[in-house]
Amino acid sequence: MGNNRNGHLVDLRQVVKTFESAAGVFTALKGIDMKVGTSEFLSIVGKSGSGKSTLINMITGIDRPTSGEVLVGDTAVHALKEGQIAVWRGRAVGLIFQFFQLLPSLTAIENIMLPMDYCQRYPRHARPERAMHLLEQVDMAEYAHQLPSALSGGQQQSIAIARALANDPPLVAADEPTGNLDSKTTEAVFRLFESLVDGGKTILMVTHDNDLAKRAQRTITLADGLIVNERTN
């Protein structure tokens, strides 16, 4: 997957998102322009309801803009058809959530192999070894055959990060990834993110934690669906 012609991995152009509700039309994003470079670590902050998760959902194709353009690499994400989006996301984006969202009936290594089975990016015989390699990267190899219920929150999040990397996506999007973790585990997850960026990944991280946000390379602040501040850290 290449970059846009302008050398950015993510390029949002005048992105607007409105939702219809019983109370009328709510505009969650009000014409967002935003660029993120390849192997950049960007944090996104703002109060609840400022549009942070909506913004991540636009970039990852979980939802689509009402108007405007979303370009990731050389893909116009906003123009993809429903069936194409899931295939594109499986290859191009690693998603990490606050509540881990591991499948409870699958072991750690099976959770990591699942996206590989879906995408067919790696041949079947290579998948267990790749999954094990990813578990080693997050210091979880010894838990490969445990179910999520036997693991702590930090261990589950480490496995969820390994799963997000299963298909070697250029972009990793993390929505409050440390929201349920203690400070020691948060530190370990953060160091892992930094090493991924050093290895060429682009990371977008939504967080409520301003201290954590400052450790990314750049921070964007949202308020009422607009970017109100942008700083290099």
C-alpha atoms as a PDB file:
ATOM      1  CA  MET A   1       0.000   0.000   0.000  1.00  0.00           C
ATOM      2  CA  GLY A   2       1.584   3.262  -1.102  1.00  0.00           C
ATOM      3  CA  ASN A   3       1.271   6.761   0.238  1.00  0.00           C
ATOM      4  CA  ASN A   4      -0.819   9.572  -1.160  1.00  0.00           C
ATOM      5  CA  ARG A   5       0.976  11.543  -3.793  1.00  0.00           C
ATOM      6  CA  ASN A   6       1.600  14.197  -1.138  1.00  0.00           C
ATOM      7  CA  GLY A   7       3.580  11.777   1.038  1.00  0.00           C
ATOM      8  CA  HIS A   8       1.070  11.353   3.864  1.00  0.00           C
ATOM      9  CA  LEU A   9      -0.407   8.058   4.974  1.00  0.00           C
ATOM     10  CA  VAL A  10      -3.686   9.651   6.143  1.00  0.00           C
ATOM     11  CA  ASP A  11      -5.294  12.676   4.498  1.00  0.00           C
ATOM     12  CA  LEU A  12      -8.732  13.972   5.539  1.00  0.00           C
ATOM     13  CA  ARG A  13     -10.278  16.685   3.398  1.00  0.00           C
ATOM     14  CA  GLN A  14     -13.267  18.668   4.668  1.00  0.00           C
ATOM     15  CA  VAL A  15     -14.740  15.652   6.466  1.00  0.00           C
ATOM     16  CA  VAL A  16     -18.258  16.241   7.780  1.00  0.00           C
ATOM     17  CA  LYS A  17     -20.288  13.658   9.708  1.00  0.00           C
ATOM     18  CA  THR A  18     -23.891  14.197  10.721  1.00  0.00           C
ATOM     19  CA  PHE A  19     -26.177  11.827  12.618  1.00  0.00           C
ATOM     20  CA  GLU A  20     -29.963  11.868  12.526  1.00  0.00           C
ATOM     21  CA  SER A  21     -31.609  11.454  15.895  1.00  0.00           C
ATOM     22  CA  ALA A  22     -35.026  11.962  17.427  1.00  0.00           C
ATOM     23  CA  ALA A  23     -33.799  15.387  18.558  1.00  0.00           C
ATOM     24  CA  GLY A  24     -32.821  16.330  14.993  1.00  0.00           C
ATOM     25  CA  VAL A  25     -29.544  16.398  13.098  1.00  0.00           C
ATOM     26  CA  PHE A  26     -26.325  16.301  15.136  1.00  0.00           C
ATOM     27  CA  THR A  27     -23.066  17.274  13.429  1.00  0.00           C
ATOM     28  CA  ALA A  28     -20.248  15.253  15.008  1.00  0.00           C
ATOM     29  CA  LEU A  29     -17.470  16.451  12.664  1.00  0.00           C
ATOM     30  CA  LYS A  30     -17.608  19.909  11.081  1.00  0.00           C
ATOM     31  CA  GLY A  31     -15.241  19.918   8.127  1.00  0.00           C
ATOM     32  CA  ILE A  32     -12.026  18.303   9.378  1.00  0.00           C
ATOM     33  CA  ASP A  33      -8.787  18.761   7.433  1.00  0.00           C
ATOM     34  CA  MET A  34      -5.985  16.597   8.786  1.00  0.00           C
ATOM     35  CA  LYS A  35      -2.832  14.894   7.539  1.00  0.00           C
ATOM     36  CA  VAL A  36      -0.780  12.198   9.263  1.00  0.00           C
ATOM     37  CA  GLY A  37       2.656  11.216   8.021  1.00  0.00           C
ATOM     38  CA  THR A  38       4.048   7.732   7.550  1.00  0.00           C
ATOM     39  CA  SER A  39       5.490   6.366  10.828  1.00  0.00           C
ATOM     40  CA  GLU A  40       4.031   9.263  12.809  1.00  0.00           C
ATOM     41  CA  PHE A  41       2.634   8.795  16.333  1.00  0.00           C
ATOM     42  CA  LEU A  42      -0.389  11.083  16.687  1.00  0.00           C
ATOM     43  CA  SER A  43      -2.559  11.458  19.780  1.00  0.00           C
ATOM     44  CA  ILE A  44      -6.122  12.774  19.622  1.00  0.00           C
ATOM     45  CA  VAL A  45      -7.596  14.378  22.738  1.00  0.00           C
ATOM     46  CA  GLY A  46     -10.819  16.137  23.635  1.00  0.00           C
ATOM     47  CA  LYS A  47     -13.782  15.881  25.994  1.00  0.00           C
ATOM     48  CA  SER A  48     -16.451  13.191  25.637  1.00  0.00           C
ATOM     49  CA  GLY A  49     -18.635  14.015  22.652  1.00  0.00           C
ATOM     50  CA  SER A  50     -15.938  16.115  20.933  1.00  0.00           C
ATOM     51  CA  GLY A  51     -15.826  13.730  17.957  1.00  0.00           C
ATOM     52  CA  LYS A  52     -12.672  11.698  18.727  1.00  0.00           C
ATOM     53  CA  SER A  53     -14.142   8.239  18.167  1.00  0.00           C
ATOM     54  CA  THR A  54     -16.125   9.443  15.150  1.00  0.00           C
ATOM     55  CA  LEU A  55     -12.878  10.733  13.649  1.00  0.00           C
ATOM     56  CA  ILE A  56     -11.135   7.375  14.177  1.00  0.00           C
ATOM     57  CA  ASN A  57     -14.176   5.611  12.674  1.00  0.00           C
ATOM     58  CA  MET A  58     -13.886   7.774   9.527  1.00  0.00           C
ATOM     59  CA  ILE A  59     -10.178   6.980   9.090  1.00  0.00           C
ATOM     60  CA  THR A  60     -10.624   3.235   9.646  1.00  0.00           C
ATOM     61  CA  GLY A  61     -13.735   2.900   7.490  1.00  0.00           C
ATOM     62  CA  ILE A  62     -15.903   1.730  10.392  1.00  0.00           C
ATOM     63  CA  ASP A  63     -18.219   4.589   9.449  1.00  0.00           C
ATOM     64  CA  ARG A  64     -18.279   6.848   6.424  1.00  0.00           C
ATOM     65  CA  PRO A  65     -18.370  10.634   6.152  1.00  0.00           C
ATOM     66  CA  THR A  66     -21.528  12.510   5.201  1.00  0.00           C
ATOM     67  CA  SER A  67     -19.288  14.588   2.945  1.00  0.00           C
ATOM     68  CA  GLY A  68     -15.574  15.085   2.352  1.00  0.00           C
ATOM     69  CA  GLU A  69     -12.740  12.701   1.499  1.00  0.00           C
ATOM     70  CA  VAL A  70     -10.765  10.167   3.525  1.00  0.00           C
ATOM     71  CA  LEU A  71      -7.544   8.971   1.895  1.00  0.00           C
ATOM     72  CA  VAL A  72      -5.355   6.310   3.498  1.00  0.00           C
ATOM     73  CA  GLY A  73      -2.304   5.464   1.449  1.00  0.00           C
ATOM     74  CA  ASP A  74      -3.560   5.365  -2.126  1.00  0.00           C
ATOM     75  CA  THR A  75      -7.075   4.262  -1.100  1.00  0.00           C
ATOM     76  CA  ALA A  76     -10.082   6.602  -1.158  1.00  0.00           C
ATOM     77  CA  VAL A  77     -11.738   5.010   1.868  1.00  0.00           C
ATOM     78  CA  HIS A  78     -14.911   7.125   1.610  1.00  0.00           C
ATOM     79  CA  ALA A  79     -15.521   5.769  -1.910  1.00  0.00           C
ATOM     80  CA  LEU A  80     -15.193   2.054  -1.095  1.00  0.00           C
ATOM     81  CA  LYS A  81     -18.286  -0.115  -1.324  1.00  0.00           C
ATOM     82  CA  GLU A  82     -19.462  -1.985   1.777  1.00  0.00           C
ATOM     83  CA  GLY A  83     -17.888  -5.301   0.761  1.00  0.00           C
ATOM     84  CA  GLN A  84     -14.584  -3.659  -0.159  1.00  0.00           C
ATOM     85  CA  ILE A  85     -14.225  -1.795   3.148  1.00  0.00           C
ATOM     86  CA  ALA A  86     -13.916  -4.907   5.329  1.00  0.00           C
ATOM     87  CA  VAL A  87     -11.277  -6.395   3.034  1.00  0.00           C
ATOM     88  CA  TRP A  88      -9.337  -3.122   2.906  1.00  0.00           C
ATOM     89  CA  ARG A  89      -9.531  -2.661   6.696  1.00  0.00           C
ATOM     90  CA  GLY A  90      -8.350  -6.228   7.295  1.00  0.00           C
ATOM     91  CA  ARG A  91      -5.143  -5.517   5.405  1.00  0.00           C
ATOM     92  CA  ALA A  92      -4.524  -1.815   6.026  1.00  0.00           C
ATOM     93  CA  VAL A  93      -5.616  -1.111   9.602  1.00  0.00           C
ATOM     94  CA  GLY A  94      -4.918  -2.629  13.017  1.00  0.00           C
ATOM     95  CA  LEU A  95      -7.621  -1.757  15.567  1.00  0.00           C
ATOM     96  CA  ILE A  96      -7.077  -1.683  19.330  1.00  0.00           C
ATOM     97  CA  PHE A  97      -9.999  -1.034  21.701  1.00  0.00           C
ATOM     98  CA  GLN A  98     -10.371  -0.054  25.343  1.00  0.00           C
ATOM     99  CA  PHE A  99     -12.067  -3.351  26.256  1.00  0.00           C
ATOM    100  CA  PHE A 100      -9.687  -5.605  24.274  1.00  0.00           C
ATOM    101  CA  GLN A 101     -12.528  -7.427  22.415  1.00  0.00           C
ATOM    102  CA  LEU A 102     -10.743 -10.752  22.260  1.00  0.00           C
ATOM    103  CA  LEU A 103     -12.984 -13.708  21.409  1.00  0.00           C
ATOM    104  CA  PRO A 104     -13.465 -15.512  24.751  1.00  0.00           C
ATOM    105  CA  SER A 105     -13.655 -19.035  23.304  1.00  0.00           C
ATOM    106  CA  LEU A 106     -10.325 -18.741  21.427  1.00  0.00           C
ATOM    107  CA  THR A 107      -6.841 -18.960  22.942  1.00  0.00           C
ATOM    108  CA  ALA A 108      -4.417 -16.047  22.623  1.00  0.00           C
ATOM    109  CA  ILE A 109      -2.694 -17.522  19.573  1.00  0.00           C
ATOM    110  CA  GLU A 110      -6.047 -18.383  17.919  1.00  0.00           C
ATOM    111  CA  ASN A 111      -7.244 -14.790  18.444  1.00  0.00           C
ATOM    112  CA  ILE A 112      -4.125 -13.554  16.628  1.00  0.00           C
ATOM    113  CA  MET A 113      -4.449 -16.032  13.757  1.00  0.00           C
ATOM    114  CA  LEU A 114      -8.102 -15.128  13.123  1.00  0.00           C
ATOM    115  CA  PRO A 115      -7.382 -11.927  11.116  1.00  0.00           C
ATOM    116  CA  MET A 116      -4.763 -13.867   9.118  1.00  0.00           C
ATOM    117  CA  ASP A 117      -7.346 -16.534   8.259  1.00  0.00           C
ATOM    118  CA  TYR A 118      -9.752 -13.810   7.181  1.00  0.00           C
ATOM    119  CA  CYS A 119      -7.294 -11.884   5.002  1.00  0.00           C
ATOM    120  CA  GLN A 120      -5.298 -14.744   3.482  1.00  0.00           C
ATOM    121  CA  ARG A 121      -2.233 -12.504   3.451  1.00  0.00           C
ATOM    122  CA  TYR A 122       0.020 -15.227   4.845  1.00  0.00           C
ATOM    123  CA  PRO A 123      -0.103 -18.883   3.739  1.00  0.00           C
ATOM    124  CA  ARG A 124      -1.873 -21.161   6.210  1.00  0.00           C
ATOM    125  CA  HIS A 125       1.277 -23.056   7.244  1.00  0.00           C
ATOM    126  CA  ALA A 126       3.054 -19.771   8.136  1.00  0.00           C
ATOM    127  CA  ARG A 127       0.318 -18.366  10.387  1.00  0.00           C
ATOM    128  CA  PRO A 128       1.045 -20.161  13.698  1.00  0.00           C
ATOM    129  CA  GLU A 129       4.710 -19.181  13.516  1.00  0.00           C
ATOM    130  CA  ARG A 130       3.843 -15.559  12.702  1.00  0.00           C
ATOM    131  CA  ALA A 131       1.317 -15.441  15.561  1.00  0.00           C
ATOM    132  CA  MET A 132       3.957 -16.812  17.935  1.00  0.00           C
ATOM    133  CA  HIS A 133       6.448 -14.203  16.717  1.00  0.00           C
ATOM    134  CA  LEU A 134       3.907 -11.448  17.455  1.00  0.00           C
ATOM    135  CA  LEU A 135       3.255 -12.892  20.920  1.00  0.00           C
ATOM    136  CA  GLU A 136       7.009 -12.786  21.552  1.00  0.00           C
ATOM    137  CA  GLN A 137       7.073  -9.136  20.465  1.00  0.00           C
ATOM    138  CA  VAL A 138       4.548  -8.273  23.197  1.00  0.00           C
ATOM    139  CA  ASP A 139       6.140 -10.619  25.798  1.00  0.00           C
ATOM    140  CA  MET A 140       3.145 -12.963  25.824  1.00  0.00           C
ATOM    141  CA  ALA A 141       4.550 -16.153  24.237  1.00  0.00           C
ATOM    142  CA  GLU A 142       4.108 -18.163  27.444  1.00  0.00           C
ATOM    143  CA  TYR A 143       0.356 -17.398  27.391  1.00  0.00           C
ATOM    144  CA  ALA A 144      -0.192 -18.522  23.770  1.00  0.00           C
ATOM    145  CA  HIS A 145      -2.605 -21.314  24.695  1.00  0.00           C
ATOM    146  CA  GLN A 146      -4.513 -19.513  27.466  1.00  0.00           C
ATOM    147  CA  LEU A 147      -8.071 -18.248  27.090  1.00  0.00           C
ATOM    148  CA  PRO A 148      -8.607 -14.508  27.654  1.00  0.00           C
ATOM    149  CA  SER A 149     -10.506 -15.188  30.905  1.00  0.00           C
ATOM    150  CA  ALA A 150      -7.301 -16.566  32.457  1.00  0.00           C
ATOM    151  CA  LEU A 151      -5.372 -13.352  31.713  1.00  0.00           C
ATOM    152  CA  SER A 152      -5.131  -9.911  33.323  1.00  0.00           C
ATOM    153  CA  GLY A 153      -6.334  -6.768  31.543  1.00  0.00           C
ATOM    154  CA  GLY A 154      -2.786  -5.822  30.619  1.00  0.00           C
ATOM    155  CA  GLN A 155      -2.080  -9.280  29.225  1.00  0.00           C
ATOM    156  CA  GLN A 156      -5.302  -9.185  27.201  1.00  0.00           C
ATOM    157  CA  GLN A 157      -4.431  -5.764  25.795  1.00  0.00           C
ATOM    158  CA  SER A 158      -0.951  -6.982  24.827  1.00  0.00           C
ATOM    159  CA  ILE A 159      -2.561  -9.850  22.934  1.00  0.00           C
ATOM    160  CA  ALA A 160      -5.046  -7.446  21.337  1.00  0.00           C
ATOM    161  CA  ILE A 161      -2.077  -5.364  20.112  1.00  0.00           C
ATOM    162  CA  ALA A 162      -0.466  -8.487  18.660  1.00  0.00           C
ATOM    163  CA  ARG A 163      -3.783  -9.277  16.936  1.00  0.00           C
ATOM    164  CA  ALA A 164      -3.913  -5.734  15.500  1.00  0.00           C
ATOM    165  CA  LEU A 165      -0.506  -6.376  13.918  1.00  0.00           C
ATOM    166  CA  ALA A 166      -1.455  -9.787  12.485  1.00  0.00           C
ATOM    167  CA  ASN A 167      -1.633  -8.673   8.842  1.00  0.00           C
ATOM    168  CA  ASP A 168       1.227  -6.156   9.157  1.00  0.00           C
ATOM    169  CA  PRO A 169      -0.976  -3.082   8.561  1.00  0.00           C
ATOM    170  CA  PRO A 170       0.706   0.294   7.956  1.00  0.00           C
ATOM    171  CA  LEU A 171      -1.837   2.035  10.220  1.00  0.00           C
ATOM    172  CA  VAL A 172      -2.698   1.203  13.840  1.00  0.00           C
ATOM    173  CA  ALA A 173      -5.710   2.963  15.408  1.00  0.00           C
ATOM    174  CA  ALA A 174      -6.104   2.731  19.176  1.00  0.00           C
ATOM    175  CA  ASP A 175      -9.219   4.077  20.923  1.00  0.00           C
ATOM    176  CA  GLU A 176      -8.445   4.625  24.645  1.00  0.00           C
ATOM    177  CA  PRO A 177      -6.068   1.619  24.592  1.00  0.00           C
ATOM    178  CA  THR A 178      -4.857   2.158  28.163  1.00  0.00           C
ATOM    179  CA  GLY A 179      -8.216   3.199  29.653  1.00  0.00           C
ATOM    180  CA  ASN A 180      -8.490  -0.017  31.686  1.00  0.00           C
ATOM    181  CA  LEU A 181      -4.832  -0.540  32.547  1.00  0.00           C
ATOM    182  CA  ASP A 182      -2.717   0.357  35.573  1.00  0.00           C
ATOM    183  CA  SER A 183       0.202   2.762  35.193  1.00  0.00           C
ATOM    184  CA  LYS A 184       2.894   0.075  34.927  1.00  0.00           C
ATOM    185  CA  THR A 185       1.027  -1.766  32.155  1.00  0.00           C
ATOM    186  CA  THR A 186       0.200   1.535  30.436  1.00  0.00           C
ATOM    187  CA  GLU A 187       3.926   2.272  30.344  1.00  0.00           C
ATOM    188  CA  ALA A 188       4.659  -1.127  28.767  1.00  0.00           C
ATOM    189  CA  VAL A 189       1.943  -0.649  26.113  1.00  0.00           C
ATOM    190  CA  PHE A 190       3.244   2.817  25.359  1.00  0.00           C
ATOM    191  CA  ARG A 191       6.806   1.600  24.907  1.00  0.00           C
ATOM    192  CA  LEU A 192       5.477  -1.038  22.529  1.00  0.00           C
ATOM    193  CA  PHE A 193       3.716   1.686  20.498  1.00  0.00           C
ATOM    194  CA  GLU A 194       6.958   3.691  20.338  1.00  0.00           C
ATOM    195  CA  SER A 195       8.862   0.677  19.022  1.00  0.00           C
ATOM    196  CA  LEU A 196       6.165   0.095  16.374  1.00  0.00           C
ATOM    197  CA  VAL A 197       6.517   3.705  15.200  1.00  0.00           C
ATOM    198  CA  ASP A 198      10.303   3.257  15.087  1.00  0.00           C
ATOM    199  CA  GLY A 199       9.615   0.232  12.874  1.00  0.00           C
ATOM    200  CA  GLY A 200       7.589   2.316  10.404  1.00  0.00           C
ATOM    201  CA  LYS A 201       3.989   2.001  11.656  1.00  0.00           C
ATOM    202  CA  THR A 202       1.685   5.009  11.858  1.00  0.00           C
ATOM    203  CA  ILE A 203      -0.252   5.126  15.151  1.00  0.00           C
ATOM    204  CA  LEU A 204      -3.369   7.158  15.913  1.00  0.00           C
ATOM    205  CA  MET A 205      -4.245   7.066  19.599  1.00  0.00           C
ATOM    206  CA  VAL A 206      -7.383   8.511  21.159  1.00  0.00           C
ATOM    207  CA  THR A 207      -6.790   9.164  24.844  1.00  0.00           C
ATOM    208  CA  HIS A 208      -8.222  11.050  27.837  1.00  0.00           C
ATOM    209  CA  ASP A 209      -4.782  11.073  29.450  1.00  0.00           C
ATOM    210  CA  ASN A 210      -3.006  14.351  28.665  1.00  0.00           C
ATOM    211  CA  ASP A 211       0.338  13.143  30.018  1.00  0.00           C
ATOM    212  CA  LEU A 212       0.166  10.145  27.704  1.00  0.00           C
ATOM    213  CA  ALA A 213      -0.962  12.312  24.780  1.00  0.00           C
ATOM    214  CA  LYS A 214       2.109  14.536  25.199  1.00  0.00           C
ATOM    215  CA  ARG A 215       4.385  11.543  24.654  1.00  0.00           C
ATOM    216  CA  ALA A 216       3.141  11.097  21.095  1.00  0.00           C
ATOM    217  CA  GLN A 217       4.984  13.103  18.429  1.00  0.00           C
ATOM    218  CA  ARG A 218       1.991  15.354  17.790  1.00  0.00           C
ATOM    219  CA  THR A 219      -1.336  16.022  19.503  1.00  0.00           C
ATOM    220  CA  ILE A 220      -4.604  17.151  17.948  1.00  0.00           C
ATOM    221  CA  THR A 221      -7.328  18.520  20.237  1.00  0.00           C
ATOM    222  CA  LEU A 222     -10.963  18.245  19.170  1.00  0.00           C
ATOM    223  CA  ALA A 223     -13.868  20.258  20.544  1.00  0.00           C
ATOM    224  CA  ASP A 224     -17.406  20.197  19.154  1.00  0.00           C
ATOM    225  CA  GLY A 225     -16.346  18.417  15.979  1.00  0.00           C
ATOM    226  CA  LEU A 226     -13.521  20.801  15.108  1.00  0.00           C
ATOM    227  CA  ILE A 227      -9.732  20.675  15.492  1.00  0.00           C
ATOM    228  CA  VAL A 228      -9.140  23.507  17.961  1.00  0.00           C
ATOM    229  CA  ASN A 229      -5.462  22.919  18.693  1.00  0.00           C
ATOM    230  CA  GLU A 230      -2.549  21.095  17.180  1.00  0.00           C
ATOM    231  CA  ARG A 231       0.885  20.863  18.750  1.00  0.00           C
ATOM    232  CA  THR A 232       4.153  19.089  18.135  1.00  0.00           C
ATOM    233  CA  ASN A 233       5.361  17.490  21.367  1.00  0.00           C
END
